Amino acid sequence: MINYCIFALEFSRGQWVPSFISCILKMDQGKVEEIVKQAVAEQGAFLVSFKLSDSNAIFIEADHAEGLSMKMITAISRYVEGSFDREVEDFSLEVASPGVGSPLLVKEQYVKNVGRDAKVKLEDGEELKGTITAFADDKVTLVWKKREPKPVGKGKITVEHSREIPLDEIKETRIQVSF
């Protein structure tokens, strides 16, 4: 399927004639995605996001329980590159791991980040900050401490709160990095 063609016109011998024509063929989304999944799985990693643009720019974001190494990124890139014929399919390829401030998008990222501090925005607008202490059955357990008035007398005490939050109630989760 031709996605679009580019051509330039040149004025020659009293008329406009095409001087350059190039047509871009859109790669098969399903085929590319399957190859990407195979490449990522071969490294023991997990796919966070995948995009294929209309101009055949392939963007892969992957991660690993112990972090995605440069060796893994290179292997994923080579696997994908080697699966296509550049003479037939013109494409660009970018393989990366999620950035420090990127939101968590897949379940494996929650598992990887158990024990880390996070800021969770819920679908109802509520925001929570705490430590991810568990992830099971599509639910995140968040624990945080809060200063509250004493039940009797003056002053405040520190109270630990815990909440199990289903993934479908979470709008966005970002890991909080402290220096």
Foldseek 3Di string as FASTA:
>chain_A
DWLDKDWDWDQDPNDIDTDDIDTADFDDPVVLVVQLQVLQVVLVKGWQDWDQDSNGEIETEIAHLVGQDPVSQVSSVCSSVVVDDCVVHPHHYYYYYDDQFDWRRDLVVLVSQQQFWKWWAWPVGDIDTAGFNDADPQKTKGKDWDWDADPDDGDTDIDIDIDIGHNVGTPTMHTDDDD
